[in-house]
Amino acid sequence: MSISPAEIAQQVVESILAQKLAPGARLGEQELADLYAVSRTLVREALMQLQARGFVEVRSRKGWYVVEPSFDEARDAFAARRVIEAGLLREAPQGRPLQAVVQRLRQHIAEERGAIDGSDAATRSYLLADFHVCLADCLGHRALTAVMRDLTARTTLAATLYQSSHEARQSCDEHQAIVDALAAGDRADAERRMVAHLGSVQDGLSESSGAAQDALARLRGALAPVARRAPA
């Protein structure tokens, strides 16, 4: 069965969430066409969808690449996440509907802990990012689920590029504290803990690393003095 452009785009985003596709990675049209056994036209459509969502860019005469977000763009993405996720928790239901949400989130956290204890870094990264997508989904916000997936993928690119020092186990523990507050019916505390969690992840980014440092290293290498042979 042939894969659609939307499904290819979704797999690219999921690979970003799993930190298997790094900022600046090249996405060759022919390689993707061979991988999915589809035409380059269909691949190009998928890449154009990703470009519209802000995940890939075309570099003149070079092809398609995963974007390398600036530090300011990373800051904006985290700010958007704080607004949306705080709002989701503020409007969380009470009673039996909330119990179902808590049960699903606790199951997700158990999967996170299992991945952290294992050796599959991609699954661990994906699950830690997907917690926030899962939150929007299980609260019944279908439109915001898609928004959260894209915003979370953007901040995942930033965490990869700017070498986040926020540890996986710490993220999982903070997820647990958010869900515990929800389970206790304290939506204000859950909201406060979410804002603190996102702030902690953002604070773990290092502006001195990432694309700017890599560009400087490349320039330093390119302009290094040429070794000259001593006169005979």
N, C-alpha and C. Protein backbone atom coordinates (compact mmCIF):
# COMPACT_ATOMS: atom_id res chain seq x y z
N MET A 1 0.85 -1.19 0.00
CA MET A 1 0.00 0.00 0.00
C MET A 1 0.88 1.24 0.00
N SER A 2 0.61 2.18 -0.89
CA SER A 2 1.44 3.37 -1.04
C SER A 2 1.24 4.30 0.15
N ILE A 3 2.32 4.96 0.53
CA ILE A 3 2.27 5.90 1.64
C ILE A 3 1.95 7.29 1.10
N SER A 4 1.20 8.07 1.84
CA SER A 4 0.80 9.39 1.38
C SER A 4 1.83 10.44 1.78
N PRO A 5 1.81 11.60 1.14
CA PRO A 5 2.72 12.69 1.54
C PRO A 5 2.55 13.07 3.00
N ALA A 6 1.30 13.10 3.49
CA ALA A 6 1.06 13.45 4.89
C ALA A 6 1.69 12.44 5.83
N GLU A 7 1.66 11.15 5.44
CA GLU A 7 2.26 10.11 6.29
C GLU A 7 3.78 10.21 6.29
N ILE A 8 4.36 10.56 5.16
CA ILE A 8 5.82 10.77 5.11
C ILE A 8 6.19 11.94 6.00
N ALA A 9 5.43 13.03 5.88
CA ALA A 9 5.69 14.22 6.71
C ALA A 9 5.59 13.87 8.19
N GLN A 10 4.58 13.07 8.53
CA GLN A 10 4.40 12.71 9.93
C GLN A 10 5.57 11.87 10.44
N GLN A 11 6.08 10.98 9.61
CA GLN A 11 7.23 10.17 10.03
C GLN A 11 8.47 11.03 10.24
N VAL A 12 8.62 12.06 9.43
CA VAL A 12 9.75 12.97 9.61
C VAL A 12 9.63 13.69 10.95
N VAL A 13 8.43 14.18 11.26
CA VAL A 13 8.22 14.88 12.54
C VAL A 13 8.46 13.94 13.72
N GLU A 14 7.99 12.71 13.61
CA GLU A 14 8.22 11.74 14.69
C GLU A 14 9.70 11.44 14.86
N SER A 15 10.44 11.41 13.77
CA SER A 15 11.89 11.20 13.86
C SER A 15 12.59 12.39 14.51
N ILE A 16 12.05 13.58 14.30
CA ILE A 16 12.57 14.76 14.99
C ILE A 16 12.31 14.65 16.48
N LEU A 17 11.08 14.25 16.85
CA LEU A 17 10.73 14.09 18.25
C LEU A 17 11.61 13.05 18.93
N ALA A 18 11.99 12.02 18.18
CA ALA A 18 12.86 10.97 18.71
C ALA A 18 14.34 11.35 18.66
N GLN A 19 14.62 12.55 18.15
CA GLN A 19 15.98 13.05 17.99
C GLN A 19 16.83 12.14 17.09
N LYS A 20 16.15 11.51 16.13
CA LYS A 20 16.87 10.71 15.14
C LYS A 20 17.23 11.56 13.92
N LEU A 21 16.49 12.65 13.72
CA LEU A 21 16.80 13.62 12.66
C LEU A 21 17.26 14.89 13.35
N ALA A 22 18.48 15.27 13.12
CA ALA A 22 19.06 16.43 13.80
C ALA A 22 18.88 17.68 12.96
N PRO A 23 18.95 18.85 13.58
CA PRO A 23 18.93 20.10 12.81
C PRO A 23 20.05 20.11 11.78
N GLY A 24 19.72 20.54 10.56
CA GLY A 24 20.72 20.59 9.50
C GLY A 24 20.86 19.31 8.72
N ALA A 25 20.12 18.25 9.10
CA ALA A 25 20.20 16.98 8.37
C ALA A 25 19.63 17.15 6.96
N ARG A 26 20.30 16.57 5.97
CA ARG A 26 19.85 16.67 4.58
C ARG A 26 18.79 15.61 4.32
N LEU A 27 17.73 16.01 3.60
CA LEU A 27 16.66 15.09 3.22
C LEU A 27 16.62 15.02 1.70
N GLY A 28 17.35 14.07 1.15
CA GLY A 28 17.43 13.93 -0.30
C GLY A 28 16.14 13.39 -0.89
N GLU A 29 15.65 14.04 -1.94
CA GLU A 29 14.40 13.59 -2.57
C GLU A 29 14.50 12.16 -3.08
N GLN A 30 15.59 11.84 -3.78
CA GLN A 30 15.71 10.51 -4.35
C GLN A 30 15.85 9.45 -3.26
N GLU A 31 16.62 9.77 -2.22
CA GLU A 31 16.79 8.83 -1.12
C GLU A 31 15.45 8.54 -0.43
N LEU A 32 14.65 9.58 -0.22
CA LEU A 32 13.34 9.38 0.40
C LEU A 32 12.41 8.61 -0.54
N ALA A 33 12.50 8.91 -1.84
CA ALA A 33 11.66 8.18 -2.80
C ALA A 33 12.01 6.70 -2.80
N ASP A 34 13.31 6.39 -2.74
CA ASP A 34 13.74 4.99 -2.69
C ASP A 34 13.30 4.33 -1.38
N LEU A 35 13.42 5.07 -0.28
CA LEU A 35 13.07 4.53 1.04
C LEU A 35 11.60 4.14 1.11
N TYR A 36 10.73 5.00 0.58
CA TYR A 36 9.29 4.75 0.69
C TYR A 36 8.69 4.14 -0.57
N ALA A 37 9.54 3.89 -1.57
CA ALA A 37 9.09 3.28 -2.83
C ALA A 37 7.96 4.11 -3.46
N VAL A 38 8.19 5.41 -3.55
CA VAL A 38 7.23 6.32 -4.17
C VAL A 38 7.97 7.23 -5.14
N SER A 39 7.22 8.06 -5.84
CA SER A 39 7.83 8.98 -6.80
C SER A 39 8.43 10.19 -6.09
N ARG A 40 9.37 10.84 -6.76
CA ARG A 40 9.95 12.06 -6.20
C ARG A 40 8.91 13.17 -6.12
N THR A 41 7.91 13.12 -6.99
CA THR A 41 6.84 14.12 -6.94
C THR A 41 6.10 14.03 -5.61
N LEU A 42 5.80 12.81 -5.19
CA LEU A 42 5.10 12.62 -3.93
C LEU A 42 5.98 13.03 -2.75
N VAL A 43 7.26 12.71 -2.83
CA VAL A 43 8.20 13.11 -1.78
C VAL A 43 8.28 14.64 -1.71
N ARG A 44 8.34 15.28 -2.86
CA ARG A 44 8.43 16.74 -2.88
C ARG A 44 7.19 17.36 -2.24
N GLU A 45 6.03 16.74 -2.45
CA GLU A 45 4.81 17.24 -1.82
C GLU A 45 4.91 17.14 -0.30
N ALA A 46 5.46 16.02 0.18
CA ALA A 46 5.63 15.84 1.63
C ALA A 46 6.59 16.89 2.18
N LEU A 47 7.67 17.14 1.46
CA LEU A 47 8.66 18.12 1.91
C LEU A 47 8.08 19.53 1.91
N MET A 48 7.22 19.82 0.95
CA MET A 48 6.59 21.13 0.91
C MET A 48 5.63 21.31 2.08
N GLN A 49 4.96 20.22 2.49
CA GLN A 49 4.12 20.27 3.69
C GLN A 49 4.97 20.57 4.92
N LEU A 50 6.11 19.91 5.00
CA LEU A 50 7.01 20.14 6.13
C LEU A 50 7.58 21.55 6.12
N GLN A 51 7.83 22.06 4.92
CA GLN A 51 8.33 23.43 4.80
C GLN A 51 7.28 24.42 5.31
N ALA A 52 6.02 24.18 4.97
CA ALA A 52 4.94 25.05 5.42
C ALA A 52 4.79 25.01 6.94
N ARG A 53 5.12 23.87 7.52
CA ARG A 53 5.02 23.73 8.99
C ARG A 53 6.30 24.20 9.69
N GLY A 54 7.30 24.60 8.91
CA GLY A 54 8.51 25.17 9.48
C GLY A 54 9.57 24.17 9.89
N PHE A 55 9.53 22.96 9.33
CA PHE A 55 10.50 21.94 9.73
C PHE A 55 11.64 21.73 8.75
N VAL A 56 11.44 22.07 7.48
CA VAL A 56 12.51 21.91 6.51
C VAL A 56 12.62 23.19 5.68
N GLU A 57 13.77 23.34 5.04
CA GLU A 57 14.01 24.49 4.18
C GLU A 57 14.78 24.02 2.96
N VAL A 58 14.65 24.81 1.89
CA VAL A 58 15.39 24.53 0.67
C VAL A 58 16.62 25.43 0.64
N ARG A 59 17.77 24.82 0.42
CA ARG A 59 19.01 25.59 0.28
C ARG A 59 19.39 25.58 -1.19
N SER A 60 19.66 26.75 -1.70
CA SER A 60 19.92 26.91 -3.13
C SER A 60 20.97 25.93 -3.64
N ARG A 61 20.59 25.16 -4.63
CA ARG A 61 21.46 24.20 -5.32
C ARG A 61 21.96 23.08 -4.41
N LYS A 62 21.36 22.95 -3.23
CA LYS A 62 21.81 21.90 -2.31
C LYS A 62 20.69 20.93 -1.94
N GLY A 63 19.45 21.40 -1.91
CA GLY A 63 18.35 20.51 -1.60
C GLY A 63 17.64 20.87 -0.30
N TRP A 64 16.99 19.86 0.27
CA TRP A 64 16.15 20.03 1.45
C TRP A 64 16.93 19.68 2.71
N TYR A 65 16.74 20.50 3.75
CA TYR A 65 17.41 20.27 5.02
C TYR A 65 16.46 20.53 6.19
N VAL A 66 16.66 19.79 7.26
CA VAL A 66 15.94 20.07 8.51
C VAL A 66 16.40 21.43 9.01
N VAL A 67 15.46 22.25 9.45
CA VAL A 67 15.80 23.62 9.87
C VAL A 67 16.68 23.62 11.12
N GLU A 68 17.45 24.67 11.27
CA GLU A 68 18.25 24.91 12.46
C GLU A 68 17.70 26.17 13.14
N PRO A 69 16.81 26.01 14.09
CA PRO A 69 16.15 27.18 14.69
C PRO A 69 17.14 28.08 15.41
N SER A 70 16.91 29.38 15.32
CA SER A 70 17.72 30.32 16.08
C SER A 70 17.34 30.24 17.55
N PHE A 71 18.16 30.82 18.40
CA PHE A 71 17.86 30.79 19.83
C PHE A 71 16.58 31.59 20.11
N ASP A 72 16.37 32.68 19.38
CA ASP A 72 15.14 33.46 19.55
C ASP A 72 13.92 32.66 19.12
N GLU A 73 14.04 31.90 18.04
CA GLU A 73 12.93 31.06 17.60
C GLU A 73 12.62 29.97 18.63
N ALA A 74 13.66 29.44 19.25
CA ALA A 74 13.46 28.45 20.31
C ALA A 74 12.73 29.09 21.49
N ARG A 75 13.12 30.30 21.85
CA ARG A 75 12.48 31.01 22.96
C ARG A 75 10.99 31.23 22.66
N ASP A 76 10.68 31.61 21.42
CA ASP A 76 9.29 31.84 21.03
C ASP A 76 8.47 30.55 21.13
N ALA A 77 9.06 29.44 20.70
CA ALA A 77 8.35 28.17 20.74
C ALA A 77 8.05 27.75 22.18
N PHE A 78 9.00 27.95 23.07
CA PHE A 78 8.77 27.62 24.47
C PHE A 78 7.70 28.53 25.07
N ALA A 79 7.71 29.81 24.70
CA ALA A 79 6.70 30.75 25.20
C ALA A 79 5.31 30.32 24.76
N ALA A 80 5.19 29.90 23.50
CA ALA A 80 3.90 29.42 23.00
C ALA A 80 3.45 28.18 23.74
N ARG A 81 4.37 27.29 24.01
CA ARG A 81 4.03 26.07 24.74
C ARG A 81 3.54 26.39 26.15
N ARG A 82 4.18 27.33 26.81
CA ARG A 82 3.74 27.68 28.16
C ARG A 82 2.30 28.20 28.16
N VAL A 83 1.98 29.05 27.20
CA VAL A 83 0.62 29.59 27.12
C VAL A 83 -0.39 28.47 26.88
N ILE A 84 -0.10 27.61 25.90
CA ILE A 84 -1.06 26.56 25.53
C ILE A 84 -1.19 25.51 26.62
N GLU A 85 -0.07 25.01 27.12
CA GLU A 85 -0.14 23.91 28.07
C GLU A 85 -0.68 24.35 29.43
N ALA A 86 -0.36 25.57 29.83
CA ALA A 86 -0.95 26.10 31.06
C ALA A 86 -2.46 26.20 30.90
N GLY A 87 -2.90 26.67 29.73
CA GLY A 87 -4.33 26.78 29.46
C GLY A 87 -5.03 25.44 29.45
N LEU A 88 -4.38 24.43 28.89
CA LEU A 88 -4.96 23.09 28.88
C LEU A 88 -5.22 22.59 30.30
N LEU A 89 -4.26 22.79 31.17
CA LEU A 89 -4.39 22.32 32.55
C LEU A 89 -5.41 23.16 33.32
N ARG A 90 -5.46 24.44 33.03
CA ARG A 90 -6.41 25.33 33.72
C ARG A 90 -7.84 24.92 33.41
N GLU A 91 -8.06 24.41 32.17
CA GLU A 91 -9.40 24.03 31.75
C GLU A 91 -9.66 22.53 31.85
N ALA A 92 -8.78 21.80 32.53
CA ALA A 92 -8.94 20.35 32.65
C ALA A 92 -10.26 20.01 33.34
N PRO A 93 -10.89 18.91 32.94
CA PRO A 93 -12.18 18.54 33.54
C PRO A 93 -12.01 18.06 34.97
N GLN A 94 -13.12 17.91 35.66
CA GLN A 94 -13.12 17.37 37.00
C GLN A 94 -13.85 16.02 37.00
N GLY A 95 -13.78 15.31 38.12
CA GLY A 95 -14.55 14.08 38.28
C GLY A 95 -14.03 12.92 37.45
N ARG A 96 -14.97 12.10 36.97
CA ARG A 96 -14.62 10.87 36.25
C ARG A 96 -13.83 11.13 34.97
N PRO A 97 -14.18 12.16 34.18
CA PRO A 97 -13.36 12.42 32.97
C PRO A 97 -11.89 12.67 33.31
N LEU A 98 -11.65 13.38 34.43
CA LEU A 98 -10.27 13.65 34.82
C LEU A 98 -9.56 12.36 35.25
N GLN A 99 -10.27 11.46 35.88
CA GLN A 99 -9.67 10.19 36.30
C GLN A 99 -9.16 9.41 35.09
N ALA A 100 -9.93 9.43 34.01
CA ALA A 100 -9.51 8.72 32.79
C ALA A 100 -8.26 9.37 32.21
N VAL A 101 -8.20 10.71 32.25
CA VAL A 101 -7.02 11.43 31.77
C VAL A 101 -5.80 11.06 32.60
N VAL A 102 -5.95 11.07 33.91
CA VAL A 102 -4.84 10.75 34.82
C VAL A 102 -4.35 9.33 34.59
N GLN A 103 -5.28 8.40 34.39
CA GLN A 103 -4.89 7.01 34.17
C GLN A 103 -4.04 6.87 32.90
N ARG A 104 -4.46 7.54 31.85
CA ARG A 104 -3.72 7.44 30.59
C ARG A 104 -2.35 8.11 30.71
N LEU A 105 -2.30 9.25 31.38
CA LEU A 105 -1.01 9.93 31.54
C LEU A 105 -0.06 9.12 32.42
N ARG A 106 -0.58 8.47 33.44
CA ARG A 106 0.27 7.65 34.30
C ARG A 106 0.82 6.45 33.53
N GLN A 107 0.01 5.90 32.64
CA GLN A 107 0.50 4.81 31.79
C GLN A 107 1.63 5.31 30.89
N HIS A 108 1.47 6.52 30.37
CA HIS A 108 2.50 7.11 29.52
C HIS A 108 3.79 7.30 30.31
N ILE A 109 3.68 7.79 31.53
CA ILE A 109 4.86 8.01 32.37
C ILE A 109 5.56 6.69 32.69
N ALA A 110 4.77 5.63 32.89
CA ALA A 110 5.37 4.31 33.13
C ALA A 110 6.19 3.88 31.91
N GLU A 111 5.70 4.18 30.70
CA GLU A 111 6.44 3.86 29.48
C GLU A 111 7.71 4.71 29.41
N GLU A 112 7.62 5.98 29.82
CA GLU A 112 8.80 6.84 29.86
C GLU A 112 9.88 6.23 30.75
N ARG A 113 9.48 5.81 31.95
CA ARG A 113 10.46 5.26 32.90
C ARG A 113 11.08 3.98 32.37
N GLY A 114 10.27 3.18 31.68
CA GLY A 114 10.81 1.96 31.09
C GLY A 114 11.84 2.26 30.02
N ALA A 115 11.57 3.29 29.21
CA ALA A 115 12.51 3.68 28.16
C ALA A 115 13.78 4.27 28.77
N ILE A 116 13.65 5.03 29.85
CA ILE A 116 14.81 5.63 30.51
C ILE A 116 15.70 4.54 31.10
N ASP A 117 15.08 3.51 31.64
CA ASP A 117 15.85 2.40 32.23
C ASP A 117 16.48 1.52 31.16
N GLY A 118 15.96 1.59 29.93
CA GLY A 118 16.50 0.79 28.83
C GLY A 118 17.60 1.54 28.10
N SER A 119 17.90 1.05 26.91
CA SER A 119 19.03 1.61 26.16
C SER A 119 18.59 2.25 24.84
N ASP A 120 17.27 2.35 24.63
CA ASP A 120 16.77 2.91 23.37
C ASP A 120 16.58 4.41 23.53
N ALA A 121 17.59 5.18 23.16
CA ALA A 121 17.55 6.63 23.34
C ALA A 121 16.45 7.28 22.50
N ALA A 122 16.19 6.74 21.31
CA ALA A 122 15.18 7.32 20.43
C ALA A 122 13.79 7.20 21.05
N THR A 123 13.47 6.02 21.58
CA THR A 123 12.16 5.81 22.23
C THR A 123 12.04 6.70 23.45
N ARG A 124 13.10 6.82 24.22
CA ARG A 124 13.09 7.68 25.40
C ARG A 124 12.81 9.12 25.01
N SER A 125 13.50 9.64 24.02
CA SER A 125 13.31 11.02 23.59
C SER A 125 11.90 11.24 23.06
N TYR A 126 11.42 10.27 22.27
CA TYR A 126 10.09 10.40 21.71
C TYR A 126 9.02 10.43 22.80
N LEU A 127 9.09 9.52 23.74
CA LEU A 127 8.08 9.45 24.79
C LEU A 127 8.07 10.69 25.67
N LEU A 128 9.25 11.19 26.01
CA LEU A 128 9.32 12.39 26.85
C LEU A 128 8.68 13.59 26.14
N ALA A 129 8.90 13.70 24.84
CA ALA A 129 8.28 14.78 24.07
C ALA A 129 6.79 14.53 23.89
N ASP A 130 6.43 13.28 23.66
CA ASP A 130 5.04 12.93 23.35
C ASP A 130 4.11 13.08 24.55
N PHE A 131 4.66 13.13 25.76
CA PHE A 131 3.82 13.35 26.95
C PHE A 131 2.96 14.60 26.77
N HIS A 132 3.54 15.64 26.22
CA HIS A 132 2.84 16.91 26.08
C HIS A 132 1.78 16.85 24.97
N VAL A 133 2.06 16.08 23.93
CA VAL A 133 1.08 15.85 22.88
C VAL A 133 -0.06 14.99 23.42
N CYS A 134 0.31 13.98 24.20
CA CYS A 134 -0.68 13.09 24.81
C CYS A 134 -1.61 13.86 25.74
N LEU A 135 -1.06 14.83 26.46
CA LEU A 135 -1.87 15.65 27.37
C LEU A 135 -2.99 16.35 26.61
N ALA A 136 -2.64 17.01 25.50
CA ALA A 136 -3.65 17.70 24.70
C ALA A 136 -4.66 16.72 24.14
N ASP A 137 -4.19 15.57 23.68
CA ASP A 137 -5.06 14.58 23.07
C ASP A 137 -6.05 14.00 24.07
N CYS A 138 -5.57 13.58 25.22
CA CYS A 138 -6.48 12.91 26.16
C CYS A 138 -7.40 13.90 26.86
N LEU A 139 -7.08 15.20 26.80
CA LEU A 139 -8.01 16.22 27.30
C LEU A 139 -9.07 16.58 26.26
N GLY A 140 -8.95 15.96 25.07
CA GLY A 140 -9.98 16.12 24.06
C GLY A 140 -9.80 17.29 23.12
N HIS A 141 -8.63 17.88 23.09
CA HIS A 141 -8.38 19.04 22.23
C HIS A 141 -7.70 18.58 20.94
N ARG A 142 -8.49 18.17 19.97
CA ARG A 142 -7.95 17.58 18.75
C ARG A 142 -7.11 18.59 17.96
N ALA A 143 -7.62 19.80 17.80
CA ALA A 143 -6.87 20.80 17.04
C ALA A 143 -5.57 21.16 17.73
N LEU A 144 -5.61 21.30 19.06
CA LEU A 144 -4.40 21.64 19.79
C LEU A 144 -3.41 20.49 19.84
N THR A 145 -3.88 19.27 19.66
CA THR A 145 -2.96 18.13 19.63
C THR A 145 -1.98 18.29 18.48
N ALA A 146 -2.48 18.66 17.30
CA ALA A 146 -1.60 18.86 16.14
C ALA A 146 -0.66 20.05 16.38
N VAL A 147 -1.19 21.11 16.98
CA VAL A 147 -0.35 22.27 17.29
C VAL A 147 0.75 21.90 18.27
N MET A 148 0.39 21.12 19.30
CA MET A 148 1.38 20.72 20.30
C MET A 148 2.44 19.80 19.71
N ARG A 149 2.05 18.95 18.78
CA ARG A 149 3.05 18.06 18.15
C ARG A 149 4.10 18.89 17.42
N ASP A 150 3.65 19.90 16.70
CA ASP A 150 4.60 20.73 15.95
C ASP A 150 5.45 21.59 16.88
N LEU A 151 4.83 22.19 17.89
CA LEU A 151 5.61 23.01 18.82
C LEU A 151 6.62 22.18 19.60
N THR A 152 6.21 20.98 20.00
CA THR A 152 7.12 20.11 20.74
C THR A 152 8.28 19.68 19.85
N ALA A 153 7.99 19.41 18.58
CA ALA A 153 9.07 19.05 17.66
C ALA A 153 10.03 20.23 17.46
N ARG A 154 9.50 21.45 17.43
CA ARG A 154 10.36 22.63 17.29
C ARG A 154 11.30 22.76 18.49
N THR A 155 10.76 22.57 19.70
CA THR A 155 11.61 22.69 20.88
C THR A 155 12.56 21.50 21.00
N THR A 156 12.19 20.36 20.42
CA THR A 156 13.10 19.22 20.39
C THR A 156 14.30 19.54 19.51
N LEU A 157 14.06 20.17 18.36
CA LEU A 157 15.17 20.60 17.51
C LEU A 157 16.08 21.57 18.27
N ALA A 158 15.46 22.48 19.01
CA ALA A 158 16.25 23.44 19.79
C ALA A 158 17.08 22.73 20.86
N ALA A 159 16.47 21.74 21.53
CA ALA A 159 17.19 21.01 22.58
C ALA A 159 18.37 20.25 21.99
N THR A 160 18.20 19.73 20.77
CA THR A 160 19.30 19.03 20.09
C THR A 160 20.40 20.00 19.69
N LEU A 161 19.99 21.13 19.11
CA LEU A 161 20.95 22.09 18.58
C LEU A 161 21.71 22.82 19.67
N TYR A 162 20.99 23.15 20.73
CA TYR A 162 21.61 23.95 21.81
C TYR A 162 21.95 23.12 23.03
N GLN A 163 22.07 21.81 22.82
CA GLN A 163 22.64 20.89 23.81
C GLN A 163 22.02 21.05 25.19
N SER A 164 20.74 20.72 25.29
CA SER A 164 20.03 20.86 26.56
C SER A 164 20.68 20.02 27.65
N SER A 165 20.82 20.62 28.83
CA SER A 165 21.38 19.90 29.97
C SER A 165 20.29 19.29 30.84
N HIS A 166 19.04 19.44 30.41
CA HIS A 166 17.91 18.90 31.19
C HIS A 166 17.90 17.39 31.03
N GLU A 167 17.98 16.66 32.12
CA GLU A 167 18.11 15.20 32.06
C GLU A 167 16.75 14.52 31.89
N ALA A 168 16.79 13.38 31.23
CA ALA A 168 15.56 12.63 30.94
C ALA A 168 14.81 12.26 32.21
N ARG A 169 15.51 11.76 33.22
CA ARG A 169 14.84 11.34 34.45
C ARG A 169 14.21 12.53 35.16
N GLN A 170 14.85 13.68 35.09
CA GLN A 170 14.28 14.88 35.68
C GLN A 170 12.98 15.26 34.97
N SER A 171 12.97 15.19 33.64
CA SER A 171 11.74 15.48 32.89
C SER A 171 10.62 14.54 33.29
N CYS A 172 10.95 13.26 33.39
CA CYS A 172 9.95 12.26 33.76
C CYS A 172 9.39 12.54 35.15
N ASP A 173 10.26 12.87 36.10
CA ASP A 173 9.81 13.19 37.46
C ASP A 173 8.90 14.42 37.46
N GLU A 174 9.23 15.40 36.63
CA GLU A 174 8.39 16.60 36.55
C GLU A 174 7.05 16.29 35.91
N HIS A 175 7.03 15.40 34.92
CA HIS A 175 5.76 14.94 34.36
C HIS A 175 4.91 14.29 35.45
N GLN A 176 5.55 13.46 36.25
CA GLN A 176 4.85 12.77 37.32
C GLN A 176 4.23 13.76 38.31
N ALA A 177 4.97 14.79 38.65
CA ALA A 177 4.47 15.79 39.60
C ALA A 177 3.26 16.54 39.02
N ILE A 178 3.28 16.81 37.72
CA ILE A 178 2.15 17.47 37.07
C ILE A 178 0.90 16.60 37.15
N VAL A 179 1.06 15.32 36.85
CA VAL A 179 -0.07 14.40 36.86
C VAL A 179 -0.57 14.18 38.29
N ASP A 180 0.33 14.12 39.26
CA ASP A 180 -0.09 13.98 40.66
C ASP A 180 -0.95 15.16 41.09
N ALA A 181 -0.56 16.36 40.66
CA ALA A 181 -1.36 17.54 41.00
C ALA A 181 -2.74 17.47 40.35
N LEU A 182 -2.78 17.01 39.11
CA LEU A 182 -4.07 16.83 38.44
C LEU A 182 -4.93 15.82 39.17
N ALA A 183 -4.32 14.69 39.56
CA ALA A 183 -5.05 13.63 40.25
C ALA A 183 -5.64 14.13 41.57
N ALA A 184 -4.94 15.06 42.21
CA ALA A 184 -5.41 15.63 43.47
C ALA A 184 -6.47 16.70 43.25
N GLY A 185 -6.76 17.00 41.99
CA GLY A 185 -7.76 18.02 41.68
C GLY A 185 -7.26 19.43 41.79
N ASP A 186 -5.95 19.59 41.90
CA ASP A 186 -5.36 20.93 42.06
C ASP A 186 -4.84 21.40 40.70
N ARG A 187 -5.72 21.94 39.89
CA ARG A 187 -5.35 22.36 38.55
C ARG A 187 -4.36 23.52 38.57
N ALA A 188 -4.49 24.39 39.57
CA ALA A 188 -3.57 25.53 39.67
C ALA A 188 -2.15 25.05 39.92
N ASP A 189 -2.00 24.02 40.77
CA ASP A 189 -0.66 23.48 41.03
C ASP A 189 -0.11 22.76 39.81
N ALA A 190 -0.99 22.03 39.11
CA ALA A 190 -0.57 21.35 37.88
C ALA A 190 -0.08 22.38 36.85
N GLU A 191 -0.81 23.48 36.73
CA GLU A 191 -0.42 24.55 35.80
C GLU A 191 0.93 25.15 36.21
N ARG A 192 1.09 25.41 37.50
CA ARG A 192 2.34 25.99 37.99
C ARG A 192 3.51 25.05 37.72
N ARG A 193 3.30 23.77 37.95
CA ARG A 193 4.37 22.79 37.74
C ARG A 193 4.72 22.65 36.25
N MET A 194 3.72 22.76 35.38
CA MET A 194 3.99 22.68 33.94
C MET A 194 4.83 23.86 33.48
N VAL A 195 4.46 25.06 33.94
CA VAL A 195 5.21 26.26 33.56
C VAL A 195 6.65 26.16 34.06
N ALA A 196 6.82 25.66 35.29
CA ALA A 196 8.17 25.49 35.85
C ALA A 196 8.95 24.44 35.06
N HIS A 197 8.28 23.37 34.67
CA HIS A 197 8.94 22.30 33.90
C HIS A 197 9.45 22.83 32.57
N LEU A 198 8.59 23.53 31.84
CA LEU A 198 9.00 24.06 30.54
C LEU A 198 10.10 25.10 30.70
N GLY A 199 10.02 25.89 31.76
CA GLY A 199 11.07 26.86 32.03
C GLY A 199 12.39 26.20 32.33
N SER A 200 12.33 25.08 33.06
CA SER A 200 13.55 24.35 33.38
C SER A 200 14.20 23.76 32.14
N VAL A 201 13.38 23.21 31.24
CA VAL A 201 13.91 22.67 29.99
C VAL A 201 14.55 23.78 29.16
N GLN A 202 13.86 24.91 29.06
CA GLN A 202 14.40 26.02 28.28
C GLN A 202 15.69 26.55 28.90
N ASP A 203 15.72 26.65 30.22
CA ASP A 203 16.92 27.15 30.89
C ASP A 203 18.12 26.23 30.69
N GLY A 204 17.84 24.96 30.33
CA GLY A 204 18.93 24.02 30.10
C GLY A 204 19.61 24.18 28.76
N LEU A 205 19.05 25.03 27.89
CA LEU A 205 19.67 25.27 26.59
C LEU A 205 20.87 26.18 26.74
N SER A 206 21.86 25.95 25.90
CA SER A 206 23.08 26.76 25.93
C SER A 206 23.18 27.55 24.64
N GLU A 207 23.01 28.87 24.75
CA GLU A 207 23.05 29.72 23.55
C GLU A 207 24.43 29.73 22.91
N SER A 208 25.46 29.40 23.68
CA SER A 208 26.81 29.41 23.14
C SER A 208 27.10 28.18 22.29
N SER A 209 26.20 27.19 22.33
CA SER A 209 26.38 26.00 21.49
C SER A 209 25.49 26.12 20.27
N GLY A 210 25.36 25.04 19.52
CA GLY A 210 24.45 25.04 18.39
C GLY A 210 25.03 25.57 17.11
N ALA A 211 24.14 26.08 16.26
CA ALA A 211 24.54 26.46 14.90
C ALA A 211 25.60 27.55 14.89
N ALA A 212 25.48 28.52 15.80
CA ALA A 212 26.43 29.62 15.79
C ALA A 212 27.84 29.12 16.06
N GLN A 213 27.96 28.22 17.04
CA GLN A 213 29.27 27.68 17.37
C GLN A 213 29.80 26.83 16.22
N ASP A 214 28.91 26.03 15.63
CA ASP A 214 29.33 25.18 14.51
C ASP A 214 29.81 26.04 13.34
N ALA A 215 29.07 27.13 13.06
CA ALA A 215 29.46 28.02 11.96
C ALA A 215 30.82 28.64 12.24
N LEU A 216 31.05 29.03 13.48
CA LEU A 216 32.33 29.63 13.84
C LEU A 216 33.45 28.61 13.66
N ALA A 217 33.17 27.37 14.07
CA ALA A 217 34.19 26.33 13.94
C ALA A 217 34.52 26.08 12.47
N ARG A 218 33.48 26.09 11.63
CA ARG A 218 33.71 25.88 10.20
C ARG A 218 34.52 27.02 9.61
N LEU A 219 34.15 28.25 10.03
CA LEU A 219 34.87 29.42 9.51
C LEU A 219 36.32 29.40 9.97
N ARG A 220 36.55 29.05 11.23
CA ARG A 220 37.91 28.99 11.76
C ARG A 220 38.74 27.99 10.97
N GLY A 221 38.11 26.84 10.66
CA GLY A 221 38.82 25.83 9.89
C GLY A 221 39.10 26.29 8.48
N ALA A 222 38.11 26.99 7.89
CA ALA A 222 38.28 27.43 6.51
C ALA A 222 39.36 28.49 6.37
N LEU A 223 39.50 29.33 7.41
CA LEU A 223 40.44 30.44 7.33
C LEU A 223 41.75 30.17 8.05
N ALA A 224 41.94 28.94 8.46
CA ALA A 224 43.21 28.60 9.10
C ALA A 224 44.36 28.80 8.11
N PRO A 225 45.48 29.29 8.58
CA PRO A 225 46.63 29.51 7.67
C PRO A 225 47.00 28.24 6.93
N VAL A 226 47.30 28.40 5.67
CA VAL A 226 47.71 27.26 4.85
C VAL A 226 49.14 26.88 5.20
N ALA A 227 49.37 25.62 5.42
CA ALA A 227 50.73 25.17 5.75
C ALA A 227 51.61 25.36 4.52
N ARG A 228 52.71 26.01 4.69
CA ARG A 228 53.61 26.28 3.57
C ARG A 228 54.91 25.49 3.74
N ARG A 229 55.39 25.01 2.65
CA ARG A 229 56.65 24.29 2.68
C ARG A 229 57.81 25.29 2.81
N ALA A 230 58.76 24.94 3.61
CA ALA A 230 59.93 25.80 3.75
C ALA A 230 60.70 25.84 2.44
N PRO A 231 61.27 27.01 2.09
CA PRO A 231 62.04 27.09 0.83
C PRO A 231 63.16 26.06 0.78
N ALA A 232 63.40 25.53 -0.36
CA ALA A 232 64.46 24.52 -0.50
C ALA A 232 65.82 25.19 -0.39
